[in-house]
C-alpha atoms as a PDB file:
ATOM      1  CA  MET A   1     154.644 120.777 109.003  1.00  0.00           C
ATOM      2  CA  GLY A   2     151.017 120.513 108.088  1.00  0.00           C
ATOM      3  CA  GLN A   3     149.152 117.741 106.283  1.00  0.00           C
ATOM      4  CA  LYS A   4     147.229 117.886 102.803  1.00  0.00           C
ATOM      5  CA  THR A   5     144.138 115.608 102.389  1.00  0.00           C
ATOM      6  CA  VAL A   6     143.859 114.625  98.397  1.00  0.00           C
ATOM      7  CA  ARG A   7     140.362 113.652  97.710  1.00  0.00           C
ATOM      8  CA  PHE A   8     139.172 111.315  94.939  1.00  0.00           C
ATOM      9  CA  SER A   9     135.986 110.168  93.140  1.00  0.00           C
ATOM     10  CA  ASP A  10     135.485 106.622  93.452  1.00  0.00           C
ATOM     11  CA  LEU A  11     133.624 106.651  90.124  1.00  0.00           C
ATOM     12  CA  SER A  12     136.049 108.616  87.837  1.00  0.00           C
ATOM     13  CA  GLU A  13     139.092 108.245  90.194  1.00  0.00           C
ATOM     14  CA  GLN A  14     139.427 112.174  89.133  1.00  0.00           C
ATOM     15  CA  LEU A  15     141.047 114.511  91.862  1.00  0.00           C
ATOM     16  CA  VAL A  16     138.411 116.715  93.588  1.00  0.00           C
ATOM     17  CA  THR A  17     140.355 119.992  93.776  1.00  0.00           C
ATOM     18  CA  ASP A  18     137.512 122.709  93.825  1.00  0.00           C
ATOM     19  CA  GLY A  19     136.421 122.281  97.452  1.00  0.00           C
ATOM     20  CA  THR A  20     133.220 120.632  96.787  1.00  0.00           C
ATOM     21  CA  ALA A  21     131.896 118.326  99.219  1.00  0.00           C
ATOM     22  CA  LEU A  22     131.874 114.616  97.968  1.00  0.00           C
ATOM     23  CA  VAL A  23     128.359 112.823  97.578  1.00  0.00           C
ATOM     24  CA  ARG A  24     128.202 109.669  99.667  1.00  0.00           C
ATOM     25  CA  ILE A  25     126.351 106.928  97.686  1.00  0.00           C
ATOM     26  CA  VAL A  26     125.267 103.668  99.176  1.00  0.00           C
ATOM     27  CA  VAL A  27     124.563 100.807  96.943  1.00  0.00           C
ATOM     28  CA  HIS A  28     122.087  98.215  98.275  1.00  0.00           C
ATOM     29  CA  GLU A  29     121.632  95.960  95.220  1.00  0.00           C
ATOM     30  CA  HIS A  30     123.942  95.304  92.332  1.00  0.00           C
ATOM     31  CA  PRO A  31     124.532  92.005  90.538  1.00  0.00           C
ATOM     32  CA  GLU A  32     128.137  92.103  91.560  1.00  0.00           C
ATOM     33  CA  LEU A  33     127.249  92.618  95.292  1.00  0.00           C
ATOM     34  CA  ASP A  34     127.069  89.678  97.551  1.00  0.00           C
ATOM     35  CA  GLY A  35     124.052  91.236  99.658  1.00  0.00           C
ATOM     36  CA  GLN A  36     126.179  93.911 101.844  1.00  0.00           C
ATOM     37  CA  PRO A  37     125.517  97.154 100.947  1.00  0.00           C
ATOM     38  CA  VAL A  38     128.591  99.219  99.882  1.00  0.00           C
ATOM     39  CA  GLU A  39     129.689 103.068 100.103  1.00  0.00           C
ATOM     40  CA  LEU A  40     131.468 105.000  97.193  1.00  0.00           C
ATOM     41  CA  GLU A  41     132.042 108.633  96.942  1.00  0.00           C
ATOM     42  CA  ALA A  42     131.521 110.956  94.027  1.00  0.00           C
ATOM     43  CA  HIS A  43     131.678 114.480  93.008  1.00  0.00           C
ATOM     44  CA  VAL A  44     128.296 116.378  92.713  1.00  0.00           C
ATOM     45  CA  ASP A  45     128.696 116.775  88.924  1.00  0.00           C
ATOM     46  CA  GLU A  46     128.989 113.033  88.692  1.00  0.00           C
ATOM     47  CA  VAL A  47     126.020 112.264  90.615  1.00  0.00           C
ATOM     48  CA  GLN A  48     123.882 114.512  88.267  1.00  0.00           C
ATOM     49  CA  ALA A  49     124.139 111.686  85.787  1.00  0.00           C
ATOM     50  CA  ILE A  50     122.640 109.396  88.110  1.00  0.00           C
ATOM     51  CA  THR A  51     119.784 111.304  89.218  1.00  0.00           C
ATOM     52  CA  GLN A  52     118.898 112.063  85.296  1.00  0.00           C
ATOM     53  CA  ALA A  53     119.002 108.341  84.424  1.00  0.00           C
ATOM     54  CA  ALA A  54     116.931 107.279  87.660  1.00  0.00           C
ATOM     55  CA  LEU A  55     113.726 105.847  86.845  1.00  0.00           C
ATOM     56  CA  PRO A  56     111.038 108.265  88.387  1.00  0.00           C
ATOM     57  CA  GLN A  57     108.742 105.572  90.136  1.00  0.00           C
ATOM     58  CA  VAL A  58     109.549 101.964  90.225  1.00  0.00           C
ATOM     59  CA  ALA A  59     107.912  98.149  90.927  1.00  0.00           C
ATOM     60  CA  VAL A  60     110.485  96.085  92.623  1.00  0.00           C
ATOM     61  CA  LEU A  61     109.129  92.267  92.224  1.00  0.00           C
ATOM     62  CA  ASP A  62     110.264  88.826  93.280  1.00  0.00           C
ATOM     63  CA  LEU A  63     109.689  86.366  90.973  1.00  0.00           C
ATOM     64  CA  HIS A  64     108.997  82.722  91.855  1.00  0.00           C
ATOM     65  CA  LEU A  65     109.800  80.692  88.854  1.00  0.00           C
ATOM     66  CA  PRO A  66     109.061  77.074  88.559  1.00  0.00           C
ATOM     67  CA  GLY A  67     112.082  74.951  88.551  1.00  0.00           C
ATOM     68  CA  GLU A  68     114.295  77.674  90.605  1.00  0.00           C
ATOM     69  CA  ALA A  69     114.981  77.496  94.213  1.00  0.00           C
ATOM     70  CA  GLU A  70     115.488  81.300  94.812  1.00  0.00           C
ATOM     71  CA  PRO A  71     113.284  84.034  93.415  1.00  0.00           C
ATOM     72  CA  ARG A  72     114.522  86.408  91.050  1.00  0.00           C
ATOM     73  CA  ARG A  73     114.295  90.179  92.141  1.00  0.00           C
ATOM     74  CA  VAL A  74     113.546  92.539  89.389  1.00  0.00           C
ATOM     75  CA  THR A  75     113.307  96.283  89.126  1.00  0.00           C
ATOM     76  CA  LEU A  76     111.013  97.969  86.400  1.00  0.00           C
ATOM     77  CA  ASP A  77     109.430 101.054  85.636  1.00  0.00           C
ATOM     78  CA  ALA A  78     106.185 101.229  87.300  1.00  0.00           C
ATOM     79  CA  THR A  79     104.146 102.573  84.598  1.00  0.00           C
ATOM     80  CA  ALA A  80     105.374  99.244  82.345  1.00  0.00           C
ATOM     81  CA  PHE A  81     104.302  97.024  85.238  1.00  0.00           C
ATOM     82  CA  ASP A  82     100.761  98.805  85.604  1.00  0.00           C
ATOM     83  CA  LYS A  83     100.222  98.095  81.850  1.00  0.00           C
ATOM     84  CA  LEU A  84     100.493  94.323  82.553  1.00  0.00           C
ATOM     85  CA  ALA A  85      96.983  94.683  84.334  1.00  0.00           C
ATOM     86  CA  THR A  86      94.519  94.581  81.466  1.00  0.00           C
ATOM     87  CA  SER A  87      91.328  93.456  83.313  1.00  0.00           C
ATOM     88  CA  ARG A  88      91.248  95.966  85.879  1.00  0.00           C
ATOM     89  CA  PRO A  89      93.783  98.823  86.926  1.00  0.00           C
ATOM     90  CA  MET A  90      96.731  97.693  88.767  1.00  0.00           C
ATOM     91  CA  ALA A  91      96.032 100.208  91.802  1.00  0.00           C
ATOM     92  CA  GLU A  92      92.819  98.062  92.459  1.00  0.00           C
ATOM     93  CA  LEU A  93      94.708  94.653  91.902  1.00  0.00           C
ATOM     94  CA  LEU A  94      97.203  95.468  94.691  1.00  0.00           C
ATOM     95  CA  ILE A  95      94.650  96.647  97.263  1.00  0.00           C
ATOM     96  CA  ALA A  96      92.692  93.621  96.638  1.00  0.00           C
ATOM     97  CA  ALA A  97      95.804  91.343  96.600  1.00  0.00           C
ATOM     98  CA  ARG A  98      96.561  89.286  99.737  1.00  0.00           C
ATOM     99  CA  PRO A  99      99.621  90.040 101.897  1.00  0.00           C
ATOM    100  CA  ALA A 100     102.802  88.105 100.682  1.00  0.00           C
ATOM    101  CA  ARG A 101     103.815  84.844 102.705  1.00  0.00           C
ATOM    102  CA  ARG A 102     107.176  84.603 104.071  1.00  0.00           C
ATOM    103  CA  ALA A 103     109.132  81.823 102.277  1.00  0.00           C
ATOM    104  CA  PRO A 104     110.673  79.704 104.970  1.00  0.00           C
ATOM    105  CA  LYS A 105     114.399  79.550 105.317  1.00  0.00           C
ATOM    106  CA  PRO A 106     115.836  76.621 103.879  1.00  0.00           C
ATOM    107  CA  ARG A 107     116.846  75.102 107.299  1.00  0.00           C
ATOM    108  CA  GLU A 108     113.196  75.633 108.447  1.00  0.00           C
ATOM    109  CA  ALA A 109     111.639  74.155 105.268  1.00  0.00           C
ATOM    110  CA  LYS A 110     113.710  70.950 106.002  1.00  0.00           C
ATOM    111  CA  ALA A 111     112.467  70.794 109.567  1.00  0.00           C
ATOM    112  CA  SER A 112     109.135  71.363 108.826  1.00  0.00           C
ATOM    113  CA  ARG A 113     109.122  68.640 106.000  1.00  0.00           C
ATOM    114  CA  SER A 114     110.564  65.933 108.151  1.00  0.00           C
ATOM    115  CA  ARG A 115     108.255  66.317 111.142  1.00  0.00           C
ATOM    116  CA  PRO A 116     105.664  63.592 111.507  1.00  0.00           C
ATOM    117  CA  THR A 117     102.099  64.583 111.077  1.00  0.00           C
ATOM    118  CA  ALA A 118      99.330  63.731 113.273  1.00  0.00           C
ATOM    119  CA  GLU A 119      96.740  61.834 111.456  1.00  0.00           C
END
């Protein structure tokens, strides 16, 4: 007696019968994720739609808005972001910009605020 493996696309739930290897997709960020990457498998034809819809170059930003405890991460087309620089080219602004500070973790921030300061 033998065994038969049946494969389905996670995206469409369609049976993959043509012998094509499934494409492994690792999702790192999505509004429905809790921070942990997940894996999906899909037929190579379904992945073509992903590559066609993908932005060619993106800028990934963290916006630290007043009144919000956590930064908001946004991804946008790099060309659209570049157009926001009106006085100098974005490339010049990025080269001249200071390195980002690491935001303190909530526990570290509390500890540093509660320490007495030497005067």
